[in-house]
Amino acid sequence: MTTPDSDGLLAEQLLRLTRRVHRIQKRHLQQRVLGITPAQSRLLRTLAEYETPPRMADLAKRLEVVPRAVTTLVDGLEAHGKVRRVPDPTNRRVIRIELTDDGYETLRELHGARRSAAEEILAPLTDVERRVLRTLLDTLVDGGGEGQC
């Protein structure tokens, strides 16, 4: 049986782990000198999930941020040649965001940086512990199936 104190400690440990993961990923990104922020890397990864270039509103919804935040991220990535704004072929009032060749190359580098960071973070765990952690995290991320939209 858990107590409120043990649940509070567990929540604090999860927050500390999250901060550690962000720090390590940021360091691995900086080592690769990609010139992008973690938020921009998240936007690039999200863009790659779409079959066709999305609208900024689609990105905002998927990233769970306000549209203005996506505009700022896209502006920075566009200035560095990672993405470009393109007109929608069926509605000239709609602008879509697509990855450039440099954006795809940056994504490959990002995947490498994430793998390196994951190796560093998970190094103390055995294969069995990693499988257990993966199962536990899946359960937490999915919320046990409750409250899904």
Protein backbone atom coordinates (compact mmCIF):
# COMPACT_ATOMS: atom_id res chain seq x y z
CA MET A 1 0.00 0.00 0.00
CA THR A 2 1.28 3.45 -0.84
CA THR A 3 1.04 6.47 1.38
CA PRO A 4 0.57 10.09 0.37
CA ASP A 5 4.20 10.70 1.37
CA SER A 6 5.51 7.88 -0.82
CA ASP A 7 3.37 9.06 -3.75
CA GLY A 8 4.72 12.58 -3.26
CA LEU A 9 8.27 11.25 -3.22
CA LEU A 10 7.60 9.25 -6.38
CA ALA A 11 6.17 12.33 -8.11
CA GLU A 12 9.25 14.33 -7.09
CA GLN A 13 11.53 11.58 -8.45
CA LEU A 14 9.66 11.64 -11.76
CA LEU A 15 10.06 15.41 -11.99
CA ARG A 16 13.78 15.16 -11.19
CA LEU A 17 14.18 12.44 -13.83
CA THR A 18 12.36 14.59 -16.38
CA ARG A 19 14.69 17.51 -15.68
CA ARG A 20 17.71 15.20 -15.92
CA VAL A 21 16.51 13.80 -19.25
CA HIS A 22 16.06 17.34 -20.61
CA ARG A 23 19.53 18.38 -19.40
CA ILE A 24 21.21 15.34 -20.94
CA GLN A 25 19.33 15.67 -24.22
CA LYS A 26 20.17 19.36 -24.39
CA ARG A 27 23.87 18.57 -23.84
CA HIS A 28 23.82 15.92 -26.57
CA LEU A 29 22.12 18.38 -28.93
CA GLN A 30 24.71 21.05 -28.16
CA GLN A 31 27.55 18.59 -28.76
CA ARG A 32 26.27 18.00 -32.27
CA VAL A 33 26.13 21.76 -32.91
CA LEU A 34 22.76 21.65 -34.65
CA GLY A 35 21.86 25.20 -33.68
CA ILE A 36 18.33 24.37 -32.59
CA THR A 37 16.54 24.34 -29.28
CA PRO A 38 14.83 21.31 -27.70
CA ALA A 39 11.45 22.90 -28.55
CA GLN A 40 12.50 23.29 -32.18
CA SER A 41 13.72 19.68 -32.26
CA ARG A 42 10.31 18.57 -30.96
CA LEU A 43 8.62 20.52 -33.75
CA LEU A 44 10.88 18.90 -36.37
CA ARG A 45 10.10 15.42 -35.00
CA THR A 46 6.39 16.23 -35.03
CA LEU A 47 6.55 17.53 -38.61
CA ALA A 48 8.14 14.26 -39.71
CA GLU A 49 5.09 12.35 -38.40
CA TYR A 50 2.79 13.91 -41.01
CA GLU A 51 2.31 12.37 -44.45
CA THR A 52 1.58 15.78 -45.95
CA PRO A 53 2.76 19.17 -44.70
CA PRO A 54 0.50 20.33 -41.85
CA ARG A 55 -0.92 23.75 -41.10
CA MET A 56 0.48 25.63 -38.11
CA ALA A 57 -2.83 25.10 -36.31
CA ASP A 58 -2.40 21.33 -36.76
CA LEU A 59 1.09 21.54 -35.27
CA ALA A 60 -0.12 23.64 -32.34
CA LYS A 61 -2.81 21.10 -31.57
CA ARG A 62 -0.44 18.13 -31.81
CA LEU A 63 2.21 19.87 -29.70
CA GLU A 64 -0.44 21.11 -27.25
CA VAL A 65 0.78 24.72 -27.43
CA VAL A 66 -0.76 27.99 -28.54
CA PRO A 67 -0.48 28.80 -32.26
CA ARG A 68 1.78 31.80 -31.54
CA ALA A 69 4.37 29.45 -30.02
CA VAL A 70 4.41 27.42 -33.24
CA THR A 71 4.85 30.59 -35.28
CA THR A 72 7.92 31.52 -33.24
CA LEU A 73 9.39 28.02 -33.60
CA VAL A 74 8.72 27.92 -37.34
CA ASP A 75 10.24 31.40 -37.79
CA GLY A 76 13.48 30.24 -36.15
CA LEU A 77 13.62 26.96 -38.07
CA GLU A 78 12.82 28.70 -41.35
CA ALA A 79 15.60 31.24 -40.74
CA HIS A 80 18.03 28.31 -40.40
CA GLY A 81 16.72 26.55 -43.53
CA LYS A 82 15.20 23.56 -41.67
CA VAL A 83 11.58 24.18 -42.74
CA ARG A 84 9.72 26.26 -45.27
CA ARG A 85 6.23 27.65 -45.57
CA VAL A 86 4.40 26.44 -48.66
CA PRO A 87 0.97 27.36 -50.02
CA ASP A 88 -1.75 24.73 -49.80
CA PRO A 89 -2.40 23.42 -53.31
CA THR A 90 -6.19 23.51 -52.84
CA ASN A 91 -6.62 26.72 -50.79
CA ARG A 92 -4.23 29.58 -51.43
CA ARG A 93 -5.14 31.21 -48.09
CA VAL A 94 -3.72 28.23 -46.18
CA ILE A 95 0.00 27.94 -45.47
CA ARG A 96 1.58 24.59 -44.70
CA ILE A 97 4.94 23.80 -43.12
CA GLU A 98 7.32 21.29 -44.65
CA LEU A 99 10.78 19.99 -43.84
CA THR A 100 13.64 20.96 -46.14
CA ASP A 101 16.47 18.59 -47.06
CA ASP A 102 18.52 20.27 -44.32
CA GLY A 103 15.61 19.69 -41.95
CA TYR A 104 15.65 15.96 -42.73
CA GLU A 105 19.41 15.85 -42.17
CA THR A 106 18.94 17.64 -38.86
CA LEU A 107 16.31 15.04 -37.91
CA ARG A 108 18.84 12.26 -38.54
CA GLU A 109 21.29 14.05 -36.25
CA LEU A 110 18.55 14.54 -33.66
CA HIS A 111 17.78 10.84 -33.64
CA GLY A 112 21.45 10.14 -33.04
CA ALA A 113 21.58 12.65 -30.19
CA ARG A 114 18.46 11.16 -28.62
CA ARG A 115 19.86 7.64 -28.88
CA SER A 116 23.11 8.77 -27.24
CA ALA A 117 21.19 10.54 -24.47
CA ALA A 118 18.98 7.47 -23.91
CA GLU A 119 22.04 5.23 -23.69
CA GLU A 120 23.54 7.51 -21.07
CA ILE A 121 20.33 7.73 -19.04
CA LEU A 122 19.54 4.01 -19.19
CA ALA A 123 23.11 2.76 -18.73
CA PRO A 124 22.61 1.70 -15.08
CA LEU A 125 19.65 -0.55 -15.99
CA THR A 126 19.74 -4.17 -17.09
CA ASP A 127 17.74 -5.32 -20.12
CA VAL A 128 15.06 -6.74 -17.82
CA GLU A 129 14.83 -3.46 -15.87
CA ARG A 130 14.52 -1.54 -19.14
CA ARG A 131 11.61 -3.74 -20.26
CA VAL A 132 9.88 -3.24 -16.90
CA LEU A 133 10.47 0.52 -17.08
CA ARG A 134 9.08 0.62 -20.65
CA THR A 135 5.92 -1.18 -19.49
CA LEU A 136 5.50 1.10 -16.49
CA LEU A 137 6.03 4.24 -18.57
CA ASP A 138 3.54 3.03 -21.20
CA THR A 139 0.99 2.60 -18.43
CA LEU A 140 1.64 6.08 -17.04
CA VAL A 141 1.69 7.78 -20.43
CA ASP A 142 -1.53 6.07 -21.49
CA GLY A 143 -3.10 6.89 -18.12
CA GLY A 144 -4.47 3.39 -17.79
CA GLY A 145 -6.87 4.15 -20.65
CA GLU A 146 -8.82 6.70 -18.57
CA GLY A 147 -9.55 10.19 -19.77
CA GLN A 148 -8.43 9.48 -23.32
CA CYS A 149 -9.69 11.89 -25.95
